[in-house]
Amino acid sequence: MLDLFYQGGPLFMTILTILLLGVIVCFWKFPEWIKEIGLLALSFGILGQIIGLYSAFQGIEEMGQVSQEMMAGGLKVSSITTIYGLLIYIVSLALRLINKPKLNP
């Protein structure tokens, strides 16, 4: 699991982990903010993937030809932040559904 954290890029994965903790804290303290923080996590995940793809394509451009295996590996690694952000968003939606009866008396 820690390997995926480093492969996804420590900066974006740290930000996403902080947002996950924010979703959990908001479950008890600020339930009206749960969905927004989940959306922010999803957005950061997608941004991390776009920046990762940009860096990969820049490297490919400098190297010239690359193998299909290397290209597939780069695409796989760039998807880690998006998957993590999407999972955080799903958790935020699930927590929001749990809190729904509390929000609307």
C-alpha atoms as a PDB file:
ATOM      1  CA  MET A   1       0.000   0.000   0.000  1.00  0.00           C
ATOM      2  CA  LEU A   2       2.850   2.335   0.826  1.00  0.00           C
ATOM      3  CA  ASP A   3       4.351   1.510  -2.563  1.00  0.00           C
ATOM      4  CA  LEU A   4       1.202   2.811  -4.280  1.00  0.00           C
ATOM      5  CA  PHE A   5       1.441   5.978  -2.187  1.00  0.00           C
ATOM      6  CA  TYR A   6       4.941   6.715  -3.490  1.00  0.00           C
ATOM      7  CA  GLN A   7       4.136   5.658  -7.056  1.00  0.00           C
ATOM      8  CA  GLY A   8       1.163   8.021  -7.149  1.00  0.00           C
ATOM      9  CA  GLY A   9       3.402  10.914  -6.184  1.00  0.00           C
ATOM     10  CA  PRO A  10       3.901  11.947  -2.567  1.00  0.00           C
ATOM     11  CA  LEU A  11       2.540  15.472  -3.075  1.00  0.00           C
ATOM     12  CA  PHE A  12      -0.843  14.544  -4.524  1.00  0.00           C
ATOM     13  CA  MET A  13      -1.233  11.425  -2.409  1.00  0.00           C
ATOM     14  CA  THR A  14      -0.540  13.441   0.760  1.00  0.00           C
ATOM     15  CA  ILE A  15      -3.097  16.057  -0.247  1.00  0.00           C
ATOM     16  CA  LEU A  16      -5.635  13.326  -0.988  1.00  0.00           C
ATOM     17  CA  THR A  17      -4.964  11.634   2.357  1.00  0.00           C
ATOM     18  CA  ILE A  18      -5.511  14.950   4.151  1.00  0.00           C
ATOM     19  CA  LEU A  19      -8.788  15.332   2.263  1.00  0.00           C
ATOM     20  CA  LEU A  20      -9.786  11.799   3.320  1.00  0.00           C
ATOM     21  CA  LEU A  21      -9.138  12.754   6.927  1.00  0.00           C
ATOM     22  CA  GLY A  22     -11.175  15.904   6.312  1.00  0.00           C
ATOM     23  CA  VAL A  23     -14.109  13.823   5.079  1.00  0.00           C
ATOM     24  CA  ILE A  24     -13.936  11.667   8.194  1.00  0.00           C
ATOM     25  CA  VAL A  25     -13.773  14.688  10.512  1.00  0.00           C
ATOM     26  CA  CYS A  26     -16.647  16.352   8.688  1.00  0.00           C
ATOM     27  CA  PHE A  27     -18.759  13.254   9.279  1.00  0.00           C
ATOM     28  CA  TRP A  28     -18.986  14.250  12.944  1.00  0.00           C
ATOM     29  CA  LYS A  29     -18.322  18.007  12.996  1.00  0.00           C
ATOM     30  CA  PHE A  30     -19.520  19.539   9.703  1.00  0.00           C
ATOM     31  CA  PRO A  31     -21.768  17.067   7.850  1.00  0.00           C
ATOM     32  CA  GLU A  32     -22.838  19.659   5.271  1.00  0.00           C
ATOM     33  CA  TRP A  33     -19.246  19.808   3.928  1.00  0.00           C
ATOM     34  CA  ILE A  34     -18.737  16.087   3.321  1.00  0.00           C
ATOM     35  CA  LYS A  35     -19.727  16.053  -0.361  1.00  0.00           C
ATOM     36  CA  GLU A  36     -17.734  19.172  -1.219  1.00  0.00           C
ATOM     37  CA  ILE A  37     -14.543  17.790   0.276  1.00  0.00           C
ATOM     38  CA  GLY A  38     -15.150  14.536  -1.599  1.00  0.00           C
ATOM     39  CA  LEU A  39     -15.508  16.472  -4.849  1.00  0.00           C
ATOM     40  CA  LEU A  40     -12.313  18.349  -4.067  1.00  0.00           C
ATOM     41  CA  ALA A  41     -10.536  15.006  -3.580  1.00  0.00           C
ATOM     42  CA  LEU A  42     -11.859  13.753  -6.915  1.00  0.00           C
ATOM     43  CA  SER A  43     -10.678  16.952  -8.605  1.00  0.00           C
ATOM     44  CA  PHE A  44      -7.204  16.672  -7.075  1.00  0.00           C
ATOM     45  CA  GLY A  45      -7.009  13.043  -8.181  1.00  0.00           C
ATOM     46  CA  ILE A  46      -7.809  13.950 -11.764  1.00  0.00           C
ATOM     47  CA  LEU A  47      -5.365  16.873 -11.640  1.00  0.00           C
ATOM     48  CA  GLY A  48      -2.659  14.520 -10.378  1.00  0.00           C
ATOM     49  CA  GLN A  49      -3.290  12.163 -13.279  1.00  0.00           C
ATOM     50  CA  ILE A  50      -3.221  14.969 -15.852  1.00  0.00           C
ATOM     51  CA  ILE A  51       0.063  16.315 -14.483  1.00  0.00           C
ATOM     52  CA  GLY A  52       1.497  12.787 -14.396  1.00  0.00           C
ATOM     53  CA  LEU A  53       0.475  12.149 -18.000  1.00  0.00           C
ATOM     54  CA  TYR A  54       1.946  15.480 -19.075  1.00  0.00           C
ATOM     55  CA  SER A  55       5.268  14.585 -17.444  1.00  0.00           C
ATOM     56  CA  ALA A  56       5.217  11.113 -19.000  1.00  0.00           C
ATOM     57  CA  PHE A  57       4.489  12.449 -22.474  1.00  0.00           C
ATOM     58  CA  GLN A  58       7.228  15.037 -22.070  1.00  0.00           C
ATOM     59  CA  GLY A  59       9.676  12.233 -21.194  1.00  0.00           C
ATOM     60  CA  ILE A  60       8.513  10.172 -24.153  1.00  0.00           C
ATOM     61  CA  GLU A  61       8.986  13.154 -26.432  1.00  0.00           C
ATOM     62  CA  GLU A  62      12.572  13.594 -25.223  1.00  0.00           C
ATOM     63  CA  MET A  63      13.431   9.865 -25.437  1.00  0.00           C
ATOM     64  CA  GLY A  64      11.902   9.222 -28.809  1.00  0.00           C
ATOM     65  CA  GLN A  65      10.444   5.756 -29.158  1.00  0.00           C
ATOM     66  CA  VAL A  66       9.321   3.789 -26.107  1.00  0.00           C
ATOM     67  CA  SER A  67       7.986   0.270 -25.775  1.00  0.00           C
ATOM     68  CA  GLN A  68       4.314  -0.507 -25.319  1.00  0.00           C
ATOM     69  CA  GLU A  69       5.085  -2.016 -21.909  1.00  0.00           C
ATOM     70  CA  MET A  70       6.642   1.233 -20.706  1.00  0.00           C
ATOM     71  CA  MET A  71       3.691   3.232 -22.033  1.00  0.00           C
ATOM     72  CA  ALA A  72       1.169   0.928 -20.324  1.00  0.00           C
ATOM     73  CA  GLY A  73       3.127   1.104 -17.067  1.00  0.00           C
ATOM     74  CA  GLY A  74       3.120   4.900 -17.195  1.00  0.00           C
ATOM     75  CA  LEU A  75      -0.619   5.007 -17.794  1.00  0.00           C
ATOM     76  CA  LYS A  76      -1.176   2.586 -14.917  1.00  0.00           C
ATOM     77  CA  VAL A  77       0.901   4.660 -12.495  1.00  0.00           C
ATOM     78  CA  SER A  78      -0.749   7.906 -13.568  1.00  0.00           C
ATOM     79  CA  SER A  79      -4.160   6.421 -12.724  1.00  0.00           C
ATOM     80  CA  ILE A  80      -3.315   5.865  -9.037  1.00  0.00           C
ATOM     81  CA  THR A  81      -4.237   9.401  -7.941  1.00  0.00           C
ATOM     82  CA  THR A  82      -7.514   9.328  -9.849  1.00  0.00           C
ATOM     83  CA  ILE A  83      -8.495   5.990  -8.332  1.00  0.00           C
ATOM     84  CA  TYR A  84      -7.643   7.252  -4.825  1.00  0.00           C
ATOM     85  CA  GLY A  85      -9.588  10.480  -5.364  1.00  0.00           C
ATOM     86  CA  LEU A  86     -12.572   8.533  -6.694  1.00  0.00           C
ATOM     87  CA  LEU A  87     -12.510   6.210  -3.684  1.00  0.00           C
ATOM     88  CA  ILE A  88     -12.476   9.202  -1.341  1.00  0.00           C
ATOM     89  CA  TYR A  89     -15.430  10.675  -3.214  1.00  0.00           C
ATOM     90  CA  ILE A  90     -17.357   7.409  -2.906  1.00  0.00           C
ATOM     91  CA  VAL A  91     -16.606   7.318   0.833  1.00  0.00           C
ATOM     92  CA  SER A  92     -17.839  10.902   1.138  1.00  0.00           C
ATOM     93  CA  LEU A  93     -21.082  10.024  -0.623  1.00  0.00           C
ATOM     94  CA  ALA A  94     -21.590   6.970   1.597  1.00  0.00           C
ATOM     95  CA  LEU A  95     -20.972   9.024   4.741  1.00  0.00           C
ATOM     96  CA  ARG A  96     -23.333  11.689   3.457  1.00  0.00           C
ATOM     97  CA  LEU A  97     -26.045   9.063   2.967  1.00  0.00           C
ATOM     98  CA  ILE A  98     -25.489   7.851   6.517  1.00  0.00           C
ATOM     99  CA  ASN A  99     -25.793  11.428   7.801  1.00  0.00           C
ATOM    100  CA  LYS A 100     -28.795  12.277   5.576  1.00  0.00           C
ATOM    101  CA  PRO A 101     -31.435  11.633   8.270  1.00  0.00           C
ATOM    102  CA  LYS A 102     -29.494  13.900  10.656  1.00  0.00           C
ATOM    103  CA  LEU A 103     -29.291  16.739   8.126  1.00  0.00           C
ATOM    104  CA  ASN A 104     -33.010  16.828   7.289  1.00  0.00           C
ATOM    105  CA  PRO A 105     -35.049  16.571  10.506  1.00  0.00           C
END
